């Protein structure tokens, strides 16, 4: 009986480890807040931020207060941030449900929204920051960004 129990635990652990979502270290998503009035894309209010002045101008802040403590001068030497708004109405998108991949000249942002089916009320839009390694992807500003709802 003990051998069967140990074997079952080992199989359970292997299944758990292999089923965990693998994160792509090239892309990080964070919940944030920013002033969307000056953004390029009226559909997603998206904009690239790659310097301290733009970050301050857009009033970019993060929900995780530790991220707000980073040195912006050194940060933007390594990364660029793509800010966008997604969801709203009957859908809320947690940043944990976002992923990204590069296909040719396109950054594809995949998201899975949580849909509300209540007769009254709406979900708030999600303000999201995608951080990308600007040294690894020096043409990030020339890439097209598309948003894919994986629920569809």
Foldseek 3Di string as FASTA:
>chain_A
DVVVVVVVVVVVVVVVVVPDDDADVQKDKFFKDWQLPPADDPVWSKDKAQAPVVCVVRVIDGPPNVVVPDDRHVVSVFKMKIKTKDAKFFWEWDRVQWGWDDDDQEIEIEGETDGHDDPDDMDDITIMIMIGGCVVVVCNVRGHYYYHHPVD
